[in-house]
Amino acid sequence: MSFILGLTGSIGMGKSTTARMFADEGLPVWDADAAVHRLYQPRQPAARAVKTLFAEAIDADGSVNRARLRALIQADSTVLDRLNAAVHPLVAADRAAFLKAHEADDIVLLDVPLLYETGLDAACDAVAVVSAPAEIQRQRVLDRGAMTEAEFQTILARQLPDAEKRARADYIIPTTSLAAARQAVKDVLADIRRTLDA
C-alpha cells in the first residue's frame, strides 16, 4: 500500500507548480482540479450533473462553461454547496481509481486545494502545505487575469486560512521562489523515505 501524501494550499500559493516538482521526482500525482476538468467535458458525469442543476452553465457542445459557473457562484451563495454535493462524489470515485492503479508505488501525491475543508486530510498519511505571503498570493492570482478581486475574495473566504493550514500541516513548503520550493520538495520526500525505511 502506498504512502499517501496530501498537497494543499490556498489559491495562488503555488500548489500546481509544487505538484509538478513532486511529479518530476517520480511521484504519481492525482490532481483534483484536473479530475474536475476531465469530468466537466461533454458527456462526462459532472457535466451531466451541472446540466441538471445549472443548465445555463453548459455550452452548446455539452461542456461546462467555468466562467458562467463562477458567475453563478458569485451571484448566489448556495450554488457552490449544491455544485459540490453533486460533483464531489464523482471526484472521489476518480481519486479511488487513481489510488488503486498506483497501489504498488511507495509514495503517491494527492493534489487537493480543499483537502482540509473536505476532510480528505484524514485519508492521508501526511500533508504538505504550500505557503507564501498574502501579498504575493494576491498578486499571483490577479496577474493571471482570469479572476476579479471579488472572485478571489469569494474563493479565499471559503478556504481555511493559510495560518491554520500551516498549523495543521506535517510539512510546509515555502513557494516564495522556485529554488526554495524545489528544495523543500526534496526534503519532504527524503523525510518520508526515511520513515518508510525505518
N, C-alpha and C. Protein backbone atom coordinates (compact mmCIF):
# COMPACT_ATOMS: atom_id res chain seq x y z
N MET A 1 0.84 -1.19 0.00
CA MET A 1 0.00 0.00 0.00
C MET A 1 0.88 1.25 0.00
N SER A 2 0.47 2.25 -0.75
CA SER A 2 1.24 3.48 -0.90
C SER A 2 1.13 4.39 0.33
N PHE A 3 2.19 5.16 0.54
CA PHE A 3 2.15 6.27 1.48
C PHE A 3 1.44 7.41 0.74
N ILE A 4 0.36 7.91 1.31
CA ILE A 4 -0.41 8.96 0.65
C ILE A 4 -0.03 10.32 1.24
N LEU A 5 0.57 11.14 0.39
CA LEU A 5 0.93 12.50 0.78
C LEU A 5 -0.09 13.45 0.18
N GLY A 6 -0.75 14.22 1.02
CA GLY A 6 -1.67 15.24 0.55
C GLY A 6 -0.94 16.54 0.34
N LEU A 7 -1.24 17.22 -0.74
CA LEU A 7 -0.66 18.54 -1.00
C LEU A 7 -1.80 19.53 -1.12
N THR A 8 -1.71 20.61 -0.34
CA THR A 8 -2.76 21.61 -0.39
C THR A 8 -2.17 22.99 -0.16
N GLY A 9 -3.02 23.97 -0.28
CA GLY A 9 -2.62 25.35 -0.11
C GLY A 9 -3.69 26.23 -0.71
N SER A 10 -3.80 27.43 -0.21
CA SER A 10 -4.82 28.35 -0.70
C SER A 10 -4.53 28.76 -2.14
N ILE A 11 -5.54 29.33 -2.78
CA ILE A 11 -5.41 29.79 -4.16
C ILE A 11 -4.22 30.74 -4.29
N GLY A 12 -3.44 30.56 -5.36
CA GLY A 12 -2.32 31.44 -5.64
C GLY A 12 -1.07 31.17 -4.83
N MET A 13 -1.03 30.07 -4.10
CA MET A 13 0.13 29.77 -3.26
C MET A 13 1.22 28.97 -3.99
N GLY A 14 0.95 28.52 -5.21
CA GLY A 14 1.97 27.78 -5.96
C GLY A 14 1.82 26.28 -5.87
N LYS A 15 0.61 25.82 -5.59
CA LYS A 15 0.39 24.39 -5.41
C LYS A 15 0.62 23.58 -6.69
N SER A 16 0.12 24.08 -7.81
CA SER A 16 0.26 23.35 -9.08
C SER A 16 1.73 23.22 -9.48
N THR A 17 2.47 24.30 -9.31
CA THR A 17 3.90 24.27 -9.63
C THR A 17 4.62 23.27 -8.72
N THR A 18 4.26 23.27 -7.45
CA THR A 18 4.88 22.36 -6.50
C THR A 18 4.50 20.91 -6.80
N ALA A 19 3.26 20.67 -7.19
CA ALA A 19 2.84 19.32 -7.57
C ALA A 19 3.67 18.80 -8.74
N ARG A 20 3.97 19.69 -9.71
CA ARG A 20 4.82 19.28 -10.84
C ARG A 20 6.22 18.91 -10.36
N MET A 21 6.69 19.58 -9.33
CA MET A 21 8.02 19.25 -8.78
C MET A 21 8.01 17.85 -8.17
N PHE A 22 6.91 17.50 -7.49
CA PHE A 22 6.79 16.14 -6.96
C PHE A 22 6.75 15.12 -8.10
N ALA A 23 6.02 15.46 -9.16
CA ALA A 23 5.96 14.57 -10.33
C ALA A 23 7.35 14.40 -10.94
N ASP A 24 8.12 15.50 -10.99
CA ASP A 24 9.49 15.44 -11.52
C ASP A 24 10.38 14.51 -10.69
N GLU A 25 10.02 14.35 -9.42
CA GLU A 25 10.76 13.44 -8.53
C GLU A 25 10.26 11.99 -8.64
N GLY A 26 9.33 11.76 -9.55
CA GLY A 26 8.87 10.40 -9.83
C GLY A 26 7.58 9.98 -9.15
N LEU A 27 6.92 10.91 -8.44
CA LEU A 27 5.67 10.54 -7.76
C LEU A 27 4.48 10.56 -8.72
N PRO A 28 3.61 9.55 -8.64
CA PRO A 28 2.33 9.65 -9.34
C PRO A 28 1.52 10.74 -8.63
N VAL A 29 0.91 11.63 -9.41
CA VAL A 29 0.17 12.76 -8.85
C VAL A 29 -1.28 12.70 -9.32
N TRP A 30 -2.21 12.76 -8.36
CA TRP A 30 -3.62 12.92 -8.69
C TRP A 30 -3.98 14.37 -8.41
N ASP A 31 -4.44 15.06 -9.43
CA ASP A 31 -4.75 16.48 -9.36
C ASP A 31 -6.27 16.65 -9.33
N ALA A 32 -6.80 17.12 -8.22
CA ALA A 32 -8.26 17.27 -8.07
C ALA A 32 -8.83 18.21 -9.12
N ASP A 33 -8.14 19.32 -9.38
CA ASP A 33 -8.63 20.27 -10.38
C ASP A 33 -8.67 19.65 -11.77
N ALA A 34 -7.62 18.89 -12.11
CA ALA A 34 -7.59 18.22 -13.42
C ALA A 34 -8.70 17.18 -13.53
N ALA A 35 -8.96 16.49 -12.42
CA ALA A 35 -10.04 15.50 -12.41
C ALA A 35 -11.39 16.18 -12.67
N VAL A 36 -11.61 17.32 -12.01
CA VAL A 36 -12.85 18.06 -12.23
C VAL A 36 -12.94 18.52 -13.69
N HIS A 37 -11.83 19.02 -14.21
CA HIS A 37 -11.80 19.47 -15.61
C HIS A 37 -12.19 18.33 -16.55
N ARG A 38 -11.64 17.14 -16.31
CA ARG A 38 -11.98 15.96 -17.12
C ARG A 38 -13.46 15.63 -17.00
N LEU A 39 -13.95 15.66 -15.77
CA LEU A 39 -15.35 15.30 -15.52
C LEU A 39 -16.34 16.34 -16.05
N TYR A 40 -15.84 17.56 -16.33
CA TYR A 40 -16.67 18.63 -16.88
C TYR A 40 -16.76 18.58 -18.41
N GLN A 41 -16.04 17.66 -19.04
CA GLN A 41 -16.07 17.58 -20.50
C GLN A 41 -17.42 17.02 -20.97
N PRO A 42 -17.75 17.26 -22.26
CA PRO A 42 -19.05 16.79 -22.78
C PRO A 42 -19.29 15.31 -22.50
N ARG A 43 -20.51 15.00 -22.08
CA ARG A 43 -20.98 13.64 -21.80
C ARG A 43 -20.33 12.99 -20.59
N GLN A 44 -19.51 13.73 -19.86
CA GLN A 44 -18.91 13.18 -18.64
C GLN A 44 -19.87 13.40 -17.47
N PRO A 45 -19.72 12.60 -16.40
CA PRO A 45 -20.69 12.63 -15.30
C PRO A 45 -20.92 14.00 -14.66
N ALA A 46 -19.85 14.75 -14.43
CA ALA A 46 -20.03 16.06 -13.77
C ALA A 46 -20.73 17.05 -14.69
N ALA A 47 -20.44 16.97 -15.99
CA ALA A 47 -21.13 17.85 -16.94
C ALA A 47 -22.63 17.57 -16.93
N ARG A 48 -22.97 16.29 -16.86
CA ARG A 48 -24.40 15.94 -16.81
C ARG A 48 -25.03 16.45 -15.51
N ALA A 49 -24.30 16.34 -14.42
CA ALA A 49 -24.82 16.82 -13.13
C ALA A 49 -25.02 18.34 -13.15
N VAL A 50 -24.05 19.06 -13.71
CA VAL A 50 -24.17 20.52 -13.79
C VAL A 50 -25.34 20.90 -14.69
N LYS A 51 -25.51 20.18 -15.77
CA LYS A 51 -26.62 20.48 -16.69
C LYS A 51 -27.96 20.35 -15.97
N THR A 52 -28.06 19.34 -15.11
CA THR A 52 -29.29 19.14 -14.35
C THR A 52 -29.54 20.29 -13.37
N LEU A 53 -28.47 20.75 -12.73
CA LEU A 53 -28.60 21.79 -11.70
C LEU A 53 -28.61 23.20 -12.27
N PHE A 54 -27.70 23.45 -13.22
CA PHE A 54 -27.48 24.81 -13.73
C PHE A 54 -27.31 24.76 -15.25
N ALA A 55 -28.39 24.53 -15.95
CA ALA A 55 -28.34 24.35 -17.41
C ALA A 55 -27.70 25.54 -18.11
N GLU A 56 -27.83 26.74 -17.53
CA GLU A 56 -27.26 27.93 -18.16
C GLU A 56 -25.73 27.94 -18.15
N ALA A 57 -25.12 27.03 -17.39
CA ALA A 57 -23.65 26.95 -17.34
C ALA A 57 -23.09 25.89 -18.29
N ILE A 58 -23.93 25.40 -19.19
CA ILE A 58 -23.48 24.39 -20.15
C ILE A 58 -23.38 25.00 -21.54
N ASP A 59 -22.25 24.78 -22.20
CA ASP A 59 -22.05 25.26 -23.57
C ASP A 59 -22.79 24.36 -24.56
N ALA A 60 -22.86 24.83 -25.78
CA ALA A 60 -23.58 24.10 -26.83
C ALA A 60 -23.01 22.70 -27.05
N ASP A 61 -21.70 22.53 -26.84
CA ASP A 61 -21.08 21.21 -27.05
C ASP A 61 -21.28 20.27 -25.86
N GLY A 62 -21.95 20.75 -24.80
CA GLY A 62 -22.21 19.91 -23.64
C GLY A 62 -21.18 20.03 -22.53
N SER A 63 -20.16 20.85 -22.73
CA SER A 63 -19.14 21.03 -21.69
C SER A 63 -19.56 22.13 -20.73
N VAL A 64 -18.96 22.12 -19.55
CA VAL A 64 -19.26 23.12 -18.53
C VAL A 64 -18.51 24.41 -18.85
N ASN A 65 -19.23 25.50 -18.85
CA ASN A 65 -18.62 26.81 -19.05
C ASN A 65 -18.23 27.32 -17.66
N ARG A 66 -16.93 27.22 -17.34
CA ARG A 66 -16.48 27.53 -15.99
C ARG A 66 -16.65 29.00 -15.64
N ALA A 67 -16.51 29.88 -16.62
CA ALA A 67 -16.70 31.32 -16.36
C ALA A 67 -18.15 31.59 -15.97
N ARG A 68 -19.09 30.95 -16.69
CA ARG A 68 -20.51 31.14 -16.37
C ARG A 68 -20.83 30.53 -15.01
N LEU A 69 -20.20 29.38 -14.73
CA LEU A 69 -20.41 28.74 -13.43
C LEU A 69 -19.88 29.62 -12.30
N ARG A 70 -18.71 30.22 -12.50
CA ARG A 70 -18.15 31.14 -11.50
C ARG A 70 -19.09 32.32 -11.26
N ALA A 71 -19.68 32.84 -12.34
CA ALA A 71 -20.61 33.97 -12.21
C ALA A 71 -21.84 33.56 -11.39
N LEU A 72 -22.33 32.34 -11.60
CA LEU A 72 -23.47 31.85 -10.81
C LEU A 72 -23.10 31.73 -9.34
N ILE A 73 -21.91 31.22 -9.08
CA ILE A 73 -21.43 31.08 -7.70
C ILE A 73 -21.32 32.45 -7.04
N GLN A 74 -20.82 33.42 -7.81
CA GLN A 74 -20.66 34.78 -7.29
C GLN A 74 -22.02 35.40 -6.95
N ALA A 75 -23.03 35.09 -7.77
CA ALA A 75 -24.35 35.71 -7.62
C ALA A 75 -25.22 35.06 -6.55
N ASP A 76 -24.94 33.79 -6.23
CA ASP A 76 -25.81 33.05 -5.30
C ASP A 76 -24.96 32.16 -4.40
N SER A 77 -24.96 32.47 -3.12
CA SER A 77 -24.07 31.75 -2.19
C SER A 77 -24.43 30.27 -2.03
N THR A 78 -25.60 29.84 -2.47
CA THR A 78 -25.97 28.43 -2.33
C THR A 78 -25.48 27.56 -3.50
N VAL A 79 -25.08 28.22 -4.60
CA VAL A 79 -24.70 27.47 -5.81
C VAL A 79 -23.51 26.56 -5.56
N LEU A 80 -22.49 27.08 -4.88
CA LEU A 80 -21.28 26.28 -4.69
C LEU A 80 -21.55 25.03 -3.85
N ASP A 81 -22.35 25.16 -2.82
CA ASP A 81 -22.66 23.99 -1.99
C ASP A 81 -23.43 22.94 -2.80
N ARG A 82 -24.36 23.38 -3.62
CA ARG A 82 -25.14 22.44 -4.44
C ARG A 82 -24.24 21.79 -5.50
N LEU A 83 -23.35 22.58 -6.07
CA LEU A 83 -22.41 22.05 -7.05
C LEU A 83 -21.49 21.01 -6.41
N ASN A 84 -20.94 21.34 -5.26
CA ASN A 84 -20.04 20.41 -4.56
C ASN A 84 -20.74 19.11 -4.19
N ALA A 85 -21.98 19.20 -3.77
CA ALA A 85 -22.73 17.99 -3.39
C ALA A 85 -22.88 17.05 -4.59
N ALA A 86 -23.00 17.61 -5.78
CA ALA A 86 -23.15 16.79 -6.98
C ALA A 86 -21.83 16.28 -7.51
N VAL A 87 -20.79 17.11 -7.44
CA VAL A 87 -19.52 16.79 -8.10
C VAL A 87 -18.54 16.03 -7.21
N HIS A 88 -18.54 16.31 -5.90
CA HIS A 88 -17.56 15.67 -5.01
C HIS A 88 -17.59 14.14 -5.04
N PRO A 89 -18.76 13.50 -5.06
CA PRO A 89 -18.74 12.03 -5.13
C PRO A 89 -18.10 11.50 -6.42
N LEU A 90 -18.27 12.23 -7.51
CA LEU A 90 -17.66 11.83 -8.79
C LEU A 90 -16.14 11.98 -8.73
N VAL A 91 -15.70 13.04 -8.10
CA VAL A 91 -14.27 13.27 -7.94
C VAL A 91 -13.67 12.21 -7.01
N ALA A 92 -14.40 11.85 -5.96
CA ALA A 92 -13.93 10.82 -5.03
C ALA A 92 -13.75 9.48 -5.74
N ALA A 93 -14.64 9.15 -6.66
CA ALA A 93 -14.53 7.90 -7.41
C ALA A 93 -13.31 7.93 -8.32
N ASP A 94 -13.04 9.08 -8.91
CA ASP A 94 -11.85 9.24 -9.76
C ASP A 94 -10.57 9.06 -8.93
N ARG A 95 -10.57 9.65 -7.74
CA ARG A 95 -9.41 9.55 -6.85
C ARG A 95 -9.20 8.10 -6.41
N ALA A 96 -10.27 7.40 -6.09
CA ALA A 96 -10.17 6.00 -5.67
C ALA A 96 -9.58 5.14 -6.79
N ALA A 97 -9.97 5.42 -8.02
CA ALA A 97 -9.43 4.67 -9.17
C ALA A 97 -7.93 4.94 -9.32
N PHE A 98 -7.51 6.19 -9.11
CA PHE A 98 -6.08 6.54 -9.16
C PHE A 98 -5.29 5.77 -8.09
N LEU A 99 -5.80 5.78 -6.87
CA LEU A 99 -5.10 5.10 -5.77
C LEU A 99 -4.98 3.60 -6.04
N LYS A 100 -6.03 3.01 -6.58
CA LYS A 100 -5.99 1.58 -6.90
C LYS A 100 -4.96 1.30 -7.99
N ALA A 101 -4.91 2.18 -8.99
CA ALA A 101 -3.96 2.00 -10.10
C ALA A 101 -2.50 2.15 -9.65
N HIS A 102 -2.28 2.87 -8.55
CA HIS A 102 -0.91 3.13 -8.09
C HIS A 102 -0.60 2.52 -6.73
N GLU A 103 -1.34 1.47 -6.35
CA GLU A 103 -1.14 0.90 -5.01
C GLU A 103 0.24 0.26 -4.84
N ALA A 104 0.94 -0.02 -5.93
CA ALA A 104 2.28 -0.61 -5.83
C ALA A 104 3.37 0.46 -5.67
N ASP A 105 3.03 1.73 -5.88
CA ASP A 105 4.02 2.81 -5.73
C ASP A 105 4.25 3.09 -4.25
N ASP A 106 5.50 3.43 -3.89
CA ASP A 106 5.78 3.65 -2.47
C ASP A 106 5.13 4.93 -1.93
N ILE A 107 5.11 5.99 -2.75
CA ILE A 107 4.50 7.26 -2.33
C ILE A 107 3.66 7.79 -3.49
N VAL A 108 2.46 8.27 -3.19
CA VAL A 108 1.64 8.95 -4.18
C VAL A 108 1.23 10.30 -3.61
N LEU A 109 0.95 11.23 -4.52
CA LEU A 109 0.58 12.59 -4.10
C LEU A 109 -0.86 12.89 -4.51
N LEU A 110 -1.64 13.38 -3.56
CA LEU A 110 -2.98 13.88 -3.84
C LEU A 110 -2.93 15.40 -3.78
N ASP A 111 -3.08 16.04 -4.92
CA ASP A 111 -3.04 17.50 -5.04
C ASP A 111 -4.48 18.01 -4.94
N VAL A 112 -4.85 18.53 -3.76
CA VAL A 112 -6.25 18.87 -3.49
C VAL A 112 -6.34 20.26 -2.85
N PRO A 113 -6.90 21.24 -3.57
CA PRO A 113 -7.00 22.59 -2.99
C PRO A 113 -7.78 22.63 -1.68
N LEU A 114 -8.87 21.87 -1.59
CA LEU A 114 -9.73 21.89 -0.40
C LEU A 114 -9.54 20.64 0.46
N LEU A 115 -8.32 20.21 0.61
CA LEU A 115 -8.00 18.98 1.36
C LEU A 115 -8.56 19.04 2.78
N TYR A 116 -8.25 20.10 3.51
CA TYR A 116 -8.73 20.23 4.89
C TYR A 116 -10.23 20.51 4.93
N GLU A 117 -10.68 21.36 4.02
CA GLU A 117 -12.08 21.77 4.03
C GLU A 117 -13.03 20.58 3.79
N THR A 118 -12.56 19.60 3.01
CA THR A 118 -13.40 18.43 2.71
C THR A 118 -13.11 17.25 3.63
N GLY A 119 -12.14 17.41 4.55
CA GLY A 119 -11.81 16.32 5.48
C GLY A 119 -10.95 15.23 4.86
N LEU A 120 -10.43 15.47 3.67
CA LEU A 120 -9.63 14.45 2.98
C LEU A 120 -8.26 14.25 3.63
N ASP A 121 -7.85 15.18 4.47
CA ASP A 121 -6.58 15.00 5.17
C ASP A 121 -6.59 13.73 6.02
N ALA A 122 -7.78 13.29 6.45
CA ALA A 122 -7.89 12.07 7.25
C ALA A 122 -7.48 10.82 6.46
N ALA A 123 -7.55 10.90 5.13
CA ALA A 123 -7.18 9.76 4.29
C ALA A 123 -5.70 9.78 3.90
N CYS A 124 -4.98 10.80 4.36
CA CYS A 124 -3.56 10.96 4.00
C CYS A 124 -2.67 10.54 5.16
N ASP A 125 -1.49 10.02 4.80
CA ASP A 125 -0.51 9.68 5.83
C ASP A 125 0.25 10.90 6.32
N ALA A 126 0.32 11.92 5.47
CA ALA A 126 0.94 13.20 5.84
C ALA A 126 0.40 14.26 4.89
N VAL A 127 0.50 15.52 5.32
CA VAL A 127 0.03 16.63 4.50
C VAL A 127 1.13 17.68 4.39
N ALA A 128 1.36 18.13 3.16
CA ALA A 128 2.28 19.24 2.89
C ALA A 128 1.44 20.43 2.44
N VAL A 129 1.74 21.59 3.00
CA VAL A 129 1.03 22.82 2.66
C VAL A 129 2.00 23.78 1.98
N VAL A 130 1.59 24.30 0.82
CA VAL A 130 2.39 25.33 0.15
C VAL A 130 1.95 26.68 0.70
N SER A 131 2.90 27.58 0.87
CA SER A 131 2.57 28.85 1.50
C SER A 131 3.50 29.95 1.00
N ALA A 132 2.91 31.14 0.88
CA ALA A 132 3.66 32.36 0.52
C ALA A 132 2.95 33.52 1.22
N PRO A 133 3.63 34.65 1.35
CA PRO A 133 2.97 35.80 1.98
C PRO A 133 1.71 36.23 1.22
N ALA A 134 0.74 36.78 1.94
CA ALA A 134 -0.57 37.13 1.37
C ALA A 134 -0.45 38.07 0.18
N GLU A 135 0.47 39.02 0.22
CA GLU A 135 0.57 39.97 -0.89
C GLU A 135 1.07 39.29 -2.17
N ILE A 136 1.96 38.30 -2.02
CA ILE A 136 2.43 37.53 -3.18
C ILE A 136 1.28 36.68 -3.73
N GLN A 137 0.54 36.06 -2.83
CA GLN A 137 -0.61 35.24 -3.21
C GLN A 137 -1.59 36.05 -4.05
N ARG A 138 -2.00 37.21 -3.55
CA ARG A 138 -2.97 38.06 -4.23
C ARG A 138 -2.45 38.48 -5.61
N GLN A 139 -1.19 38.89 -5.66
CA GLN A 139 -0.61 39.34 -6.92
C GLN A 139 -0.59 38.22 -7.95
N ARG A 140 -0.23 37.01 -7.52
CA ARG A 140 -0.20 35.87 -8.44
C ARG A 140 -1.58 35.62 -9.05
N VAL A 141 -2.60 35.63 -8.19
CA VAL A 141 -3.96 35.35 -8.67
C VAL A 141 -4.42 36.40 -9.65
N LEU A 142 -4.25 37.68 -9.30
CA LEU A 142 -4.75 38.75 -10.15
C LEU A 142 -3.92 38.89 -11.43
N ASP A 143 -2.64 38.55 -11.37
CA ASP A 143 -1.79 38.61 -12.57
C ASP A 143 -2.20 37.59 -13.62
N ARG A 144 -2.86 36.52 -13.19
CA ARG A 144 -3.32 35.52 -14.16
C ARG A 144 -4.37 36.09 -15.09
N GLY A 145 -5.11 37.08 -14.60
CA GLY A 145 -6.11 37.75 -15.42
C GLY A 145 -7.40 36.98 -15.62
N ALA A 146 -7.53 35.84 -14.97
CA ALA A 146 -8.73 35.02 -15.16
C ALA A 146 -9.76 35.24 -14.06
N MET A 147 -9.43 36.10 -13.11
CA MET A 147 -10.29 36.26 -11.94
C MET A 147 -10.28 37.70 -11.47
N THR A 148 -11.44 38.17 -11.05
CA THR A 148 -11.52 39.52 -10.48
C THR A 148 -11.15 39.48 -9.00
N GLU A 149 -10.93 40.64 -8.43
CA GLU A 149 -10.66 40.74 -6.99
C GLU A 149 -11.82 40.15 -6.19
N ALA A 150 -13.06 40.43 -6.63
CA ALA A 150 -14.24 39.93 -5.92
C ALA A 150 -14.30 38.40 -5.96
N GLU A 151 -13.99 37.82 -7.12
CA GLU A 151 -14.00 36.35 -7.23
C GLU A 151 -12.90 35.75 -6.35
N PHE A 152 -11.75 36.40 -6.34
CA PHE A 152 -10.63 35.95 -5.49
C PHE A 152 -11.06 35.95 -4.03
N GLN A 153 -11.70 37.03 -3.59
CA GLN A 153 -12.13 37.14 -2.19
C GLN A 153 -13.19 36.10 -1.85
N THR A 154 -14.08 35.80 -2.80
CA THR A 154 -15.11 34.78 -2.58
C THR A 154 -14.47 33.42 -2.35
N ILE A 155 -13.50 33.07 -3.19
CA ILE A 155 -12.81 31.78 -3.05
C ILE A 155 -12.02 31.74 -1.75
N LEU A 156 -11.31 32.81 -1.46
CA LEU A 156 -10.50 32.88 -0.25
C LEU A 156 -11.36 32.71 1.01
N ALA A 157 -12.55 33.29 0.99
CA ALA A 157 -13.44 33.22 2.15
C ALA A 157 -13.91 31.79 2.41
N ARG A 158 -13.91 30.95 1.40
CA ARG A 158 -14.37 29.56 1.56
C ARG A 158 -13.23 28.61 1.89
N GLN A 159 -12.01 29.13 1.88
CA GLN A 159 -10.85 28.28 2.18
C GLN A 159 -10.38 28.53 3.62
N LEU A 160 -9.87 27.48 4.21
CA LEU A 160 -9.28 27.59 5.54
C LEU A 160 -8.13 28.60 5.46
N PRO A 161 -7.99 29.49 6.42
CA PRO A 161 -6.90 30.47 6.37
C PRO A 161 -5.53 29.78 6.29
N ASP A 162 -4.60 30.43 5.60
CA ASP A 162 -3.26 29.89 5.40
C ASP A 162 -2.60 29.54 6.74
N ALA A 163 -2.74 30.40 7.73
CA ALA A 163 -2.11 30.16 9.04
C ALA A 163 -2.62 28.86 9.66
N GLU A 164 -3.91 28.59 9.51
CA GLU A 164 -4.48 27.37 10.07
C GLU A 164 -4.00 26.14 9.31
N LYS A 165 -3.90 26.26 8.00
CA LYS A 165 -3.38 25.15 7.20
C LYS A 165 -1.95 24.82 7.62
N ARG A 166 -1.14 25.87 7.76
CA ARG A 166 0.26 25.65 8.16
C ARG A 166 0.34 25.00 9.54
N ALA A 167 -0.54 25.42 10.44
CA ALA A 167 -0.53 24.87 11.80
C ALA A 167 -0.88 23.38 11.80
N ARG A 168 -1.71 22.95 10.86
CA ARG A 168 -2.15 21.55 10.81
C ARG A 168 -1.23 20.66 9.97
N ALA A 169 -0.36 21.26 9.19
CA ALA A 169 0.46 20.52 8.23
C ALA A 169 1.58 19.73 8.89
N ASP A 170 1.94 18.62 8.24
CA ASP A 170 3.14 17.88 8.63
C ASP A 170 4.38 18.53 8.02
N TYR A 171 4.20 19.12 6.85
CA TYR A 171 5.30 19.78 6.14
C TYR A 171 4.80 21.10 5.57
N ILE A 172 5.65 22.12 5.59
CA ILE A 172 5.34 23.41 4.96
C ILE A 172 6.36 23.64 3.86
N ILE A 173 5.84 23.95 2.67
CA ILE A 173 6.69 24.19 1.52
C ILE A 173 6.59 25.67 1.16
N PRO A 174 7.67 26.44 1.40
CA PRO A 174 7.63 27.86 1.04
C PRO A 174 7.74 28.01 -0.47
N THR A 175 6.86 28.84 -1.05
CA THR A 175 6.86 28.99 -2.51
C THR A 175 7.21 30.42 -2.92
N THR A 176 8.04 31.06 -2.11
CA THR A 176 8.48 32.41 -2.46
C THR A 176 9.46 32.38 -3.63
N SER A 177 10.11 31.24 -3.84
CA SER A 177 10.98 31.07 -5.01
C SER A 177 10.90 29.61 -5.46
N LEU A 178 11.20 29.39 -6.74
CA LEU A 178 11.20 28.02 -7.26
C LEU A 178 12.26 27.18 -6.57
N ALA A 179 13.41 27.78 -6.32
CA ALA A 179 14.51 27.04 -5.68
C ALA A 179 14.12 26.58 -4.28
N ALA A 180 13.48 27.48 -3.52
CA ALA A 180 13.06 27.12 -2.15
C ALA A 180 12.04 26.00 -2.18
N ALA A 181 11.08 26.10 -3.09
CA ALA A 181 10.05 25.06 -3.20
C ALA A 181 10.66 23.73 -3.61
N ARG A 182 11.56 23.77 -4.60
CA ARG A 182 12.17 22.53 -5.09
C ARG A 182 12.97 21.83 -3.98
N GLN A 183 13.72 22.62 -3.20
CA GLN A 183 14.49 22.04 -2.11
C GLN A 183 13.58 21.46 -1.04
N ALA A 184 12.48 22.16 -0.74
CA ALA A 184 11.53 21.66 0.25
C ALA A 184 10.89 20.36 -0.20
N VAL A 185 10.59 20.24 -1.49
CA VAL A 185 10.02 19.01 -2.04
C VAL A 185 11.00 17.86 -1.82
N LYS A 186 12.25 18.08 -2.15
CA LYS A 186 13.28 17.04 -1.95
C LYS A 186 13.40 16.66 -0.48
N ASP A 187 13.35 17.66 0.40
CA ASP A 187 13.45 17.41 1.85
C ASP A 187 12.26 16.61 2.36
N VAL A 188 11.07 16.94 1.89
CA VAL A 188 9.86 16.21 2.30
C VAL A 188 9.98 14.74 1.89
N LEU A 189 10.37 14.52 0.64
CA LEU A 189 10.48 13.14 0.16
C LEU A 189 11.57 12.36 0.89
N ALA A 190 12.67 13.02 1.18
CA ALA A 190 13.75 12.36 1.92
C ALA A 190 13.26 11.96 3.31
N ASP A 191 12.49 12.83 3.95
CA ASP A 191 11.98 12.55 5.29
C ASP A 191 10.98 11.38 5.25
N ILE A 192 10.09 11.39 4.27
CA ILE A 192 9.11 10.30 4.16
C ILE A 192 9.82 8.98 3.88
N ARG A 193 10.80 8.99 3.01
CA ARG A 193 11.52 7.74 2.67
C ARG A 193 12.29 7.22 3.87
N ARG A 194 12.82 8.13 4.69
CA ARG A 194 13.48 7.69 5.94
C ARG A 194 12.47 6.97 6.83
N THR A 195 11.27 7.51 6.92
CA THR A 195 10.20 6.91 7.73
C THR A 195 9.83 5.53 7.19
N LEU A 196 9.71 5.45 5.86
CA LEU A 196 9.32 4.17 5.24
C LEU A 196 10.40 3.10 5.40
N ASP A 197 11.66 3.55 5.41
CA ASP A 197 12.78 2.60 5.53
C ASP A 197 13.04 2.18 6.97
N ALA A 198 12.48 2.93 7.92
CA ALA A 198 12.77 2.66 9.34
C ALA A 198 12.18 1.33 9.78
